[in-house]
Structure formats: structure tokens, C-alpha cells
Amino acid sequence: LMDNWPAVYGALLALTIAFLRITYNGGSGRRRLIESILCGLITLAASTATQMLGMPQEATPFLGGVVGLLGIDIIRDRAKQMFGKEENNHAA
């Protein structure tokens, strides 16, 4: 667990920030639960790629904070834009 502590800490930070952000904006309990868990899981998945992206593993809590603050909707929209551009480049 200690070797993976930055990833766990980042995921918990994303979960907490997302939960508080949705609560502050007046979101429902179901949305708070689902989006908070998704933010934590996305951070956990992305933490495995930090070294491939040139980031130290200790930066994972920062990544978790950003994921929790942006939320699932913005991250999904950016991913669609990014992968949509790649698909169009391969088709040409």
C-alpha cells in the first residue's frame, strides 16, 4: 500500500473534491455518489500513466485534484474532442 500511496491519495482526493463540488452546486445524492466514484476511478487509472507522461508519481494527488475539480462531463468532452481528431486524421 505504501508504494501506491500517491495513487490512492490522488483517487481519494478526486472523490472528495468531486463530492464537495457537486454538493456545493446543489446536485442530487445519486449524482454525487456516481460522479465521485468515477472521478476516483479515473484518477486511479490515470495514475498508472503518470510516468509515461513524464510526471513523477508524487504528482498523482495534483492529478486527482484536477479530475475532481473538472468533473466527468468536462473530462468526457475533452476526451471526445481528442479522440475525434485522431479518428479524422486516420480517415484522411
C-alpha atoms as a PDB file:
ATOM      1  CA  LEU A   1       0.000   0.000   0.000  1.00  0.00           C
ATOM      2  CA  MET A   2       2.820   2.406   0.799  1.00  0.00           C
ATOM      3  CA  ASP A   3       4.282   2.005  -2.706  1.00  0.00           C
ATOM      4  CA  ASN A   4       0.948   3.003  -4.207  1.00  0.00           C
ATOM      5  CA  TRP A   5       0.080   5.682  -1.657  1.00  0.00           C
ATOM      6  CA  PRO A   6       0.264   8.634  -4.123  1.00  0.00           C
ATOM      7  CA  ALA A   7      -2.260   6.889  -6.406  1.00  0.00           C
ATOM      8  CA  VAL A   8      -4.582   6.044  -3.506  1.00  0.00           C
ATOM      9  CA  TYR A   9      -4.274   9.569  -2.097  1.00  0.00           C
ATOM     10  CA  GLY A  10      -4.970  11.082  -5.543  1.00  0.00           C
ATOM     11  CA  ALA A  11      -8.061   8.912  -6.016  1.00  0.00           C
ATOM     12  CA  LEU A  12      -9.410   9.801  -2.570  1.00  0.00           C
ATOM     13  CA  LEU A  13      -8.724  13.474  -3.229  1.00  0.00           C
ATOM     14  CA  ALA A  14     -10.591  13.331  -6.561  1.00  0.00           C
ATOM     15  CA  LEU A  15     -13.509  11.540  -4.901  1.00  0.00           C
ATOM     16  CA  THR A  16     -13.709  14.098  -2.090  1.00  0.00           C
ATOM     17  CA  ILE A  17     -13.372  17.184  -4.301  1.00  0.00           C
ATOM     18  CA  ALA A  18     -15.988  15.896  -6.749  1.00  0.00           C
ATOM     19  CA  PHE A  19     -18.400  15.096  -3.921  1.00  0.00           C
ATOM     20  CA  LEU A  20     -17.992  18.544  -2.372  1.00  0.00           C
ATOM     21  CA  ARG A  21     -18.205  20.319  -5.763  1.00  0.00           C
ATOM     22  CA  ILE A  22     -21.487  18.615  -6.611  1.00  0.00           C
ATOM     23  CA  THR A  23     -22.857  19.229  -3.110  1.00  0.00           C
ATOM     24  CA  TYR A  24     -21.950  22.916  -3.379  1.00  0.00           C
ATOM     25  CA  ASN A  25     -23.723  23.164  -6.737  1.00  0.00           C
ATOM     26  CA  GLY A  26     -26.868  21.525  -5.314  1.00  0.00           C
ATOM     27  CA  GLY A  27     -26.559  18.164  -7.078  1.00  0.00           C
ATOM     28  CA  SER A  28     -28.588  15.115  -6.084  1.00  0.00           C
ATOM     29  CA  GLY A  29     -27.315  12.314  -3.876  1.00  0.00           C
ATOM     30  CA  ARG A  30     -27.203   9.837  -6.746  1.00  0.00           C
ATOM     31  CA  ARG A  31     -25.130  12.167  -8.921  1.00  0.00           C
ATOM     32  CA  ARG A  32     -22.770  12.906  -6.013  1.00  0.00           C
ATOM     33  CA  LEU A  33     -22.182   9.217  -5.431  1.00  0.00           C
ATOM     34  CA  ILE A  34     -21.727   8.160  -9.054  1.00  0.00           C
ATOM     35  CA  GLU A  35     -19.595  11.074 -10.220  1.00  0.00           C
ATOM     36  CA  SER A  36     -17.410  10.996  -7.117  1.00  0.00           C
ATOM     37  CA  ILE A  37     -16.647   7.309  -7.604  1.00  0.00           C
ATOM     38  CA  LEU A  38     -15.993   7.829 -11.319  1.00  0.00           C
ATOM     39  CA  CYS A  39     -13.571  10.685 -10.601  1.00  0.00           C
ATOM     40  CA  GLY A  40     -11.704   8.494  -8.133  1.00  0.00           C
ATOM     41  CA  LEU A  41     -11.506   5.610 -10.585  1.00  0.00           C
ATOM     42  CA  ILE A  42     -10.370   7.828 -13.466  1.00  0.00           C
ATOM     43  CA  THR A  43      -7.616   9.218 -11.260  1.00  0.00           C
ATOM     44  CA  LEU A  44      -6.589   5.713 -10.233  1.00  0.00           C
ATOM     45  CA  ALA A  45      -6.448   4.639 -13.882  1.00  0.00           C
ATOM     46  CA  ALA A  46      -4.583   7.775 -14.978  1.00  0.00           C
ATOM     47  CA  SER A  47      -2.078   7.419 -12.149  1.00  0.00           C
ATOM     48  CA  THR A  48      -0.615   4.396 -13.888  1.00  0.00           C
ATOM     49  CA  ALA A  49       0.332   6.609 -16.844  1.00  0.00           C
ATOM     50  CA  THR A  50       1.978   9.463 -14.942  1.00  0.00           C
ATOM     51  CA  GLN A  51       5.497   8.217 -15.589  1.00  0.00           C
ATOM     52  CA  MET A  52       4.708   7.617 -19.280  1.00  0.00           C
ATOM     53  CA  LEU A  53       3.600  11.255 -19.481  1.00  0.00           C
ATOM     54  CA  GLY A  54       6.804  12.445 -17.833  1.00  0.00           C
ATOM     55  CA  MET A  55       5.203  13.236 -14.466  1.00  0.00           C
ATOM     56  CA  PRO A  56       6.552  11.849 -11.205  1.00  0.00           C
ATOM     57  CA  GLN A  57       4.222   9.526  -9.315  1.00  0.00           C
ATOM     58  CA  GLU A  58       4.165  12.076  -6.490  1.00  0.00           C
ATOM     59  CA  ALA A  59       2.128  14.360  -8.801  1.00  0.00           C
ATOM     60  CA  THR A  60      -0.844  11.980  -8.692  1.00  0.00           C
ATOM     61  CA  PRO A  61      -2.623  13.928  -5.903  1.00  0.00           C
ATOM     62  CA  PHE A  62      -2.467  17.012  -8.148  1.00  0.00           C
ATOM     63  CA  LEU A  63      -3.956  14.953 -10.963  1.00  0.00           C
ATOM     64  CA  GLY A  64      -6.706  13.789  -8.603  1.00  0.00           C
ATOM     65  CA  GLY A  65      -7.462  17.351  -7.587  1.00  0.00           C
ATOM     66  CA  VAL A  66      -7.790  18.421 -11.208  1.00  0.00           C
ATOM     67  CA  VAL A  67     -10.018  15.465 -12.110  1.00  0.00           C
ATOM     68  CA  GLY A  68     -12.266  16.098  -9.109  1.00  0.00           C
ATOM     69  CA  LEU A  69     -12.496  19.816  -9.851  1.00  0.00           C
ATOM     70  CA  LEU A  70     -13.218  19.452 -13.577  1.00  0.00           C
ATOM     71  CA  GLY A  71     -15.658  16.575 -13.237  1.00  0.00           C
ATOM     72  CA  ILE A  72     -16.735  13.780 -15.516  1.00  0.00           C
ATOM     73  CA  ASP A  73     -18.619  15.906 -18.060  1.00  0.00           C
ATOM     74  CA  ILE A  74     -15.645  18.110 -18.936  1.00  0.00           C
ATOM     75  CA  ILE A  75     -13.212  15.194 -18.994  1.00  0.00           C
ATOM     76  CA  ARG A  76     -15.527  13.199 -21.269  1.00  0.00           C
ATOM     77  CA  ASP A  77     -15.976  16.156 -23.643  1.00  0.00           C
ATOM     78  CA  ARG A  78     -12.207  16.714 -23.860  1.00  0.00           C
ATOM     79  CA  ALA A  79     -11.601  13.011 -24.472  1.00  0.00           C
ATOM     80  CA  LYS A  80     -14.186  13.008 -27.265  1.00  0.00           C
ATOM     81  CA  GLN A  81     -12.509  16.023 -28.863  1.00  0.00           C
ATOM     82  CA  MET A  82      -9.064  14.480 -28.566  1.00  0.00           C
ATOM     83  CA  PHE A  83     -10.014  11.062 -29.908  1.00  0.00           C
ATOM     84  CA  GLY A  84     -12.382  12.526 -32.508  1.00  0.00           C
ATOM     85  CA  LYS A  85      -9.483  14.467 -34.038  1.00  0.00           C
ATOM     86  CA  GLU A  86      -7.369  11.327 -34.192  1.00  0.00           C
ATOM     87  CA  GLU A  87     -10.117   9.407 -35.977  1.00  0.00           C
ATOM     88  CA  ASN A  88     -10.484  12.174 -38.569  1.00  0.00           C
ATOM     89  CA  ASN A  89      -6.715  12.236 -39.194  1.00  0.00           C
ATOM     90  CA  HIS A  90      -6.630   8.470 -39.775  1.00  0.00           C
ATOM     91  CA  ALA A  91      -9.562   8.625 -42.178  1.00  0.00           C
ATOM     92  CA  ALA A  92      -7.827  11.161 -44.458  1.00  0.00           C
END
